[in-house]
Amino acid sequence: MTTINANDIALGIESFGDDDAPLVLLVGGTTMLSWPDALCERLAADGRRVVRYDLRDSGESTTTDPAAPAYTLRDLAADAAALAGALGGGPAHLAGTGVGGMVAQLAVLDHPGAFCALTLVGTRAVAPGPPDDDLPDHDQATMSRLFARPMPDWTDREAVAEFAAAGAEILGDDPVAARAIAARVWDRTPGTAPTVQMANQMGMVFSRLDCTPRWRERLPEIEVPTLVVHGRRDRFFPVGNGEAIAREIPGARLLVLKEAATAIPDAAVGEVTEAMLTLGYWRPVLR
């Protein structure tokens, strides 16, 4: 892991594979550890240069004030394009998960020349706040359970890891994997200030971000091959959000993971990897 300067800020990155191989750029949601190690390794083993990175105010990237970010969703999209350019090797296959998927949608719309393919995992095409009337919102019973829990001591690594594990169980994800990832995120967070730790663990920075103007109506402008991956059991962004994105991006391919919730489970890594690897050889039918 290291940092690289792009768009006048430092972004924390981790690279897998040959530096001369075609680039797959993975947008964290919000930290790079949202992307499974196994997926990065398998993509690299199949001849890709994989770079996953932290969004601003998370992980190793530039941290300013997570409670009041002085940048917008469009700035994060510009970061992705600048990072792809700084890494070199031509247009990148851009992939985003969760909030990183929102960044990725806008990055391809605003900077089309920087990217040759797009993968969107467990995301939606509107933010922040309530979705459009035709899109399913968060499952309210799940959200009530998730946010009714008392906050942990953000300076206590074990308490934070246990909090993440309990949250994953509510969401339908693997609590063991979530506990391990939360501990790794805690270790990579710059300092033990509660606000910074909370921002890294829960992606709270994004909830305060200016995401206007809307971009959903622009989805038909996307012309690169697109893969939309969504968990059938996702209670945070229910699968109807992924289905809508796949309908509105010309020729997009939809992959629904029947046993998945918000995270890519180990059992689905092979299926997702294969779909991403074949995406570059497939072209959408424009309409």
Protein backbone atom coordinates (compact mmCIF):
# COMPACT_ATOMS: atom_id res chain seq x y z
CA MET A 1 0.00 0.00 0.00
CA THR A 2 1.16 3.52 -0.79
CA THR A 3 -0.21 6.91 -1.79
CA ILE A 4 -0.26 8.65 -5.15
CA ASN A 5 -1.00 12.28 -5.94
CA ALA A 6 -3.99 12.82 -8.22
CA ASN A 7 -6.27 15.83 -8.61
CA ASP A 8 -4.04 17.73 -6.12
CA ILE A 9 -4.65 15.29 -3.26
CA ALA A 10 -3.05 12.11 -1.93
CA LEU A 11 -4.99 8.89 -2.51
CA GLY A 12 -4.18 5.68 -0.68
CA ILE A 13 -3.80 2.79 -3.13
CA GLU A 14 -2.87 -0.88 -3.21
CA SER A 15 -1.71 -2.58 -6.40
CA PHE A 16 -1.90 -6.19 -7.56
CA GLY A 17 -0.41 -7.72 -10.71
CA ASP A 18 1.87 -6.52 -13.47
CA ASP A 19 2.20 -2.75 -13.86
CA ASP A 20 2.04 -3.14 -17.65
CA ALA A 21 -1.23 -5.11 -17.66
CA PRO A 22 -4.65 -3.56 -18.43
CA LEU A 23 -5.81 -1.49 -15.47
CA VAL A 24 -8.83 -2.31 -13.30
CA LEU A 25 -9.42 0.57 -10.88
CA LEU A 26 -11.55 -0.26 -7.83
CA VAL A 27 -13.25 2.63 -6.04
CA GLY A 28 -13.54 2.00 -2.31
CA GLY A 29 -16.83 2.34 -0.59
CA THR A 30 -15.43 4.27 1.29
CA THR A 31 -12.17 2.42 2.01
CA MET A 32 -10.40 0.14 -0.44
CA LEU A 33 -11.05 -2.84 1.84
CA SER A 34 -14.65 -2.90 0.62
CA TRP A 35 -13.14 -4.91 -2.26
CA PRO A 36 -12.24 -8.51 -1.26
CA ASP A 37 -8.58 -9.48 -1.34
CA ALA A 38 -9.50 -12.67 -3.21
CA LEU A 39 -11.19 -10.75 -6.03
CA CYS A 40 -8.17 -8.46 -6.47
CA GLU A 41 -5.81 -11.43 -6.49
CA ARG A 42 -7.87 -13.41 -9.01
CA LEU A 43 -8.18 -10.48 -11.39
CA ALA A 44 -4.41 -9.98 -11.18
CA ALA A 45 -3.75 -13.68 -11.76
CA ASP A 46 -5.78 -13.42 -14.97
CA GLY A 47 -3.61 -10.69 -16.42
CA ARG A 48 -4.96 -7.45 -14.98
CA ARG A 49 -3.26 -4.69 -13.04
CA VAL A 50 -5.64 -4.13 -10.14
CA VAL A 51 -5.52 -0.94 -8.07
CA ARG A 52 -7.98 -0.40 -5.24
CA TYR A 53 -8.07 2.93 -3.45
CA ASP A 54 -9.55 4.89 -0.54
CA LEU A 55 -11.92 7.79 -1.10
CA ARG A 56 -10.97 11.10 0.48
CA ASP A 57 -11.25 11.23 4.28
CA SER A 58 -10.74 7.48 4.57
CA GLY A 59 -7.82 5.09 4.90
CA GLU A 60 -4.54 6.44 3.62
CA SER A 61 -6.11 9.19 1.50
CA THR A 62 -6.08 12.88 2.38
CA THR A 63 -8.06 13.50 5.57
CA THR A 64 -9.36 16.97 6.32
CA ASP A 65 -12.68 17.30 8.15
CA PRO A 66 -14.94 14.22 7.86
CA ALA A 67 -17.77 16.12 9.56
CA ALA A 68 -17.83 18.86 6.91
CA PRO A 69 -16.21 17.77 3.64
CA ALA A 70 -15.22 20.69 1.42
CA TYR A 71 -15.71 18.75 -1.81
CA THR A 72 -18.54 17.17 -3.79
CA LEU A 73 -19.41 13.89 -5.47
CA ARG A 74 -18.10 15.39 -8.70
CA ASP A 75 -14.73 16.02 -7.07
CA LEU A 76 -14.56 12.35 -6.09
CA ALA A 77 -15.40 11.42 -9.69
CA ALA A 78 -12.59 13.70 -10.87
CA ASP A 79 -10.27 11.94 -8.42
CA ALA A 80 -11.01 8.60 -10.12
CA ALA A 81 -10.26 10.00 -13.57
CA ALA A 82 -7.07 11.71 -12.39
CA LEU A 83 -5.89 8.54 -10.66
CA ALA A 84 -6.51 6.47 -13.79
CA GLY A 85 -4.42 8.98 -15.74
CA ALA A 86 -1.64 9.03 -13.16
CA LEU A 87 -1.39 5.25 -13.19
CA GLY A 88 -1.10 5.24 -17.00
CA GLY A 89 -1.66 2.45 -19.47
CA GLY A 90 -4.70 3.83 -21.28
CA PRO A 91 -8.39 3.82 -20.35
CA ALA A 92 -9.21 1.81 -17.22
CA HIS A 93 -11.95 -0.60 -16.31
CA LEU A 94 -13.57 1.30 -13.43
CA ALA A 95 -15.45 -0.54 -10.70
CA GLY A 96 -17.25 0.91 -7.69
CA THR A 97 -19.08 -0.69 -4.79
CA GLY A 98 -21.70 0.95 -2.57
CA VAL A 99 -21.04 4.69 -2.46
CA GLY A 100 -18.03 4.01 -4.68
CA GLY A 101 -20.51 2.85 -7.30
CA MET A 102 -22.09 6.29 -7.28
CA VAL A 103 -18.65 7.84 -7.74
CA ALA A 104 -17.97 5.43 -10.60
CA GLN A 105 -21.22 6.23 -12.43
CA LEU A 106 -20.48 9.93 -12.40
CA ALA A 107 -16.80 9.43 -13.25
CA VAL A 108 -17.70 7.59 -16.46
CA LEU A 109 -20.32 10.22 -17.34
CA ASP A 110 -18.08 13.23 -16.67
CA HIS A 111 -14.76 11.73 -17.85
CA PRO A 112 -15.66 9.15 -20.53
CA GLY A 113 -12.24 9.15 -22.16
CA ALA A 114 -10.60 7.85 -18.99
CA PHE A 115 -12.49 4.56 -18.86
CA CYS A 116 -13.15 1.59 -21.15
CA ALA A 117 -15.53 -0.48 -18.98
CA LEU A 118 -17.66 -0.08 -15.86
CA THR A 119 -18.65 -2.43 -13.04
CA LEU A 120 -21.17 -1.33 -10.41
CA VAL A 121 -21.71 -3.39 -7.25
CA GLY A 122 -24.51 -2.92 -4.73
CA THR A 123 -25.26 0.70 -5.50
CA ARG A 124 -28.00 3.01 -6.80
CA ALA A 125 -28.33 5.98 -9.14
CA VAL A 126 -29.55 8.64 -6.70
CA ALA A 127 -28.01 10.15 -3.56
CA PRO A 128 -28.23 11.21 -0.85
CA GLY A 129 -31.58 10.88 0.95
CA PRO A 130 -34.77 9.13 -0.20
CA PRO A 131 -34.69 7.45 -3.62
CA ASP A 132 -37.00 8.16 -6.52
CA ASP A 133 -40.56 6.84 -6.20
CA ASP A 134 -39.87 3.91 -8.54
CA LEU A 135 -36.82 2.73 -6.56
CA PRO A 136 -36.92 0.65 -3.38
CA ASP A 137 -35.63 2.41 -0.27
CA HIS A 138 -33.61 0.87 2.55
CA ASP A 139 -35.50 -1.87 4.38
CA GLN A 140 -36.86 0.13 7.30
CA ALA A 141 -36.98 -2.73 9.81
CA THR A 142 -33.33 -3.47 9.09
CA MET A 143 -32.35 0.19 9.33
CA SER A 144 -34.16 0.53 12.66
CA ARG A 145 -32.20 -2.38 14.10
CA LEU A 146 -28.94 -1.15 12.58
CA PHE A 147 -29.12 2.40 13.92
CA ALA A 148 -30.78 1.62 17.26
CA ARG A 149 -27.52 0.14 18.52
CA PRO A 150 -25.35 2.27 20.80
CA MET A 151 -22.16 3.50 19.16
CA PRO A 152 -18.97 1.74 20.23
CA ASP A 153 -15.92 3.37 21.76
CA TRP A 154 -14.29 4.35 18.47
CA THR A 155 -10.86 4.34 20.12
CA ASP A 156 -11.24 0.66 21.07
CA ARG A 157 -10.24 -1.62 18.18
CA GLU A 158 -12.01 -4.71 19.51
CA ALA A 159 -15.22 -2.83 20.30
CA VAL A 160 -15.28 -1.38 16.79
CA ALA A 161 -14.70 -4.80 15.22
CA GLU A 162 -17.50 -6.32 17.26
CA PHE A 163 -19.82 -3.45 16.30
CA ALA A 164 -19.09 -4.11 12.63
CA ALA A 165 -19.71 -7.83 13.02
CA ALA A 166 -23.09 -7.24 14.67
CA GLY A 167 -24.05 -4.79 11.92
CA ALA A 168 -23.10 -7.29 9.23
CA GLU A 169 -25.31 -9.92 10.82
CA ILE A 170 -28.26 -7.49 10.72
CA LEU A 171 -27.58 -6.72 7.06
CA GLY A 172 -27.21 -10.38 6.12
CA ASP A 173 -23.46 -10.29 5.52
CA ASP A 174 -20.76 -12.52 7.01
CA PRO A 175 -20.02 -11.24 10.54
CA VAL A 176 -16.66 -13.02 10.72
CA ALA A 177 -15.45 -11.34 7.53
CA ALA A 178 -16.87 -7.99 8.66
CA ARG A 179 -15.06 -8.21 12.00
CA ALA A 180 -11.73 -8.89 10.28
CA ILE A 181 -12.18 -6.07 7.76
CA ALA A 182 -13.20 -3.59 10.48
CA ALA A 183 -10.04 -4.40 12.42
CA ARG A 184 -7.95 -3.82 9.30
CA VAL A 185 -9.77 -0.54 8.58
CA TRP A 186 -9.14 0.54 12.20
CA ASP A 187 -5.43 -0.21 11.81
CA ARG A 188 -5.23 1.87 8.62
CA THR A 189 -7.17 4.85 9.93
CA PRO A 190 -4.92 7.87 10.54
CA GLY A 191 -5.12 8.38 14.31
CA THR A 192 -7.69 7.32 16.87
CA ALA A 193 -9.90 10.43 16.86
CA PRO A 194 -13.49 9.14 17.20
CA THR A 195 -14.82 11.26 14.30
CA VAL A 196 -12.17 9.95 11.93
CA GLN A 197 -12.58 6.34 13.02
CA MET A 198 -16.37 6.58 12.66
CA ALA A 199 -16.02 8.13 9.20
CA ASN A 200 -13.76 5.26 8.08
CA GLN A 201 -15.94 2.50 9.51
CA MET A 202 -19.38 3.79 8.53
CA GLY A 203 -18.78 5.99 5.50
CA MET A 204 -20.35 8.93 7.32
CA VAL A 205 -18.48 11.42 5.15
CA PHE A 206 -20.57 10.46 2.14
CA SER A 207 -23.83 11.17 3.95
CA ARG A 208 -22.68 14.80 4.29
CA LEU A 209 -21.52 15.16 0.72
CA ASP A 210 -23.10 17.43 -1.92
CA CYS A 211 -24.31 14.99 -4.61
CA THR A 212 -26.23 17.47 -6.75
CA PRO A 213 -27.10 17.82 -9.55
CA ARG A 214 -28.79 14.48 -10.28
CA TRP A 215 -27.16 12.05 -12.67
CA ARG A 216 -29.71 9.23 -13.08
CA GLU A 217 -31.24 10.81 -16.17
CA ARG A 218 -27.79 10.74 -17.82
CA LEU A 219 -27.28 6.97 -17.49
CA PRO A 220 -28.31 6.37 -21.15
CA GLU A 221 -25.21 8.39 -22.14
CA ILE A 222 -22.89 5.62 -20.87
CA GLU A 223 -21.44 3.78 -23.87
CA VAL A 224 -18.76 1.57 -22.28
CA PRO A 225 -19.48 -2.11 -21.53
CA THR A 226 -21.18 -2.18 -18.14
CA LEU A 227 -21.69 -4.91 -15.55
CA VAL A 228 -24.16 -4.39 -12.70
CA VAL A 229 -23.74 -6.76 -9.75
CA HIS A 230 -26.28 -6.84 -6.93
CA GLY A 231 -27.09 -9.11 -4.01
CA ARG A 232 -30.60 -10.55 -4.03
CA ARG A 233 -30.67 -10.21 -0.20
CA ASP A 234 -29.37 -6.62 -0.07
CA ARG A 235 -31.49 -4.76 2.49
CA PHE A 236 -29.52 -1.51 2.34
CA PHE A 237 -29.86 -0.89 -1.41
CA PRO A 238 -32.50 -3.48 -2.41
CA VAL A 239 -31.94 -5.24 -5.71
CA GLY A 240 -34.48 -3.08 -7.56
CA ASN A 241 -31.85 -0.31 -7.54
CA GLY A 242 -29.38 -2.45 -9.46
CA GLU A 243 -32.09 -3.63 -11.83
CA ALA A 244 -32.99 0.00 -12.62
CA ILE A 245 -29.37 0.89 -13.38
CA ALA A 246 -29.04 -2.11 -15.68
CA ARG A 247 -32.20 -1.09 -17.56
CA GLU A 248 -31.11 2.50 -18.02
CA ILE A 249 -27.50 1.97 -19.15
CA PRO A 250 -27.63 0.79 -22.77
CA GLY A 251 -26.86 -2.91 -23.04
CA ALA A 252 -25.74 -3.29 -19.42
CA ARG A 253 -25.36 -6.83 -18.11
CA LEU A 254 -27.03 -7.63 -14.77
CA LEU A 255 -25.57 -10.25 -12.43
CA VAL A 256 -27.75 -10.96 -9.38
CA LEU A 257 -26.01 -12.89 -6.60
CA LYS A 258 -28.77 -15.00 -5.06
CA GLU A 259 -27.14 -15.54 -1.66
CA ALA A 260 -25.44 -12.14 -1.28
CA ALA A 261 -26.47 -9.06 0.69
CA THR A 262 -24.38 -5.86 0.67
CA ALA A 263 -20.89 -7.40 0.45
CA ILE A 264 -19.40 -9.74 -2.16
CA PRO A 265 -19.20 -13.07 -0.29
CA ASP A 266 -16.24 -15.39 -0.74
CA ALA A 267 -18.48 -17.91 -2.50
CA ALA A 268 -19.31 -15.35 -5.24
CA VAL A 269 -15.79 -14.02 -5.88
CA GLY A 270 -15.18 -16.42 -8.76
CA GLU A 271 -18.46 -15.58 -10.49
CA VAL A 272 -17.91 -11.82 -10.15
CA THR A 273 -14.30 -12.08 -11.29
CA GLU A 274 -15.27 -14.04 -14.40
CA ALA A 275 -17.98 -11.54 -15.28
CA MET A 276 -15.54 -8.64 -14.91
CA LEU A 277 -12.85 -10.36 -16.98
CA THR A 278 -15.20 -11.05 -19.89
CA LEU A 279 -16.70 -7.56 -19.84
CA GLY A 280 -13.84 -6.08 -21.85
CA TYR A 281 -14.61 -8.41 -24.76
CA TRP A 282 -18.29 -7.52 -24.83
CA ARG A 283 -19.87 -4.45 -26.34
CA PRO A 284 -23.31 -3.02 -25.48
CA VAL A 285 -26.05 -2.71 -28.06
CA LEU A 286 -26.77 1.02 -28.10
CA ARG A 287 -30.39 2.05 -28.30
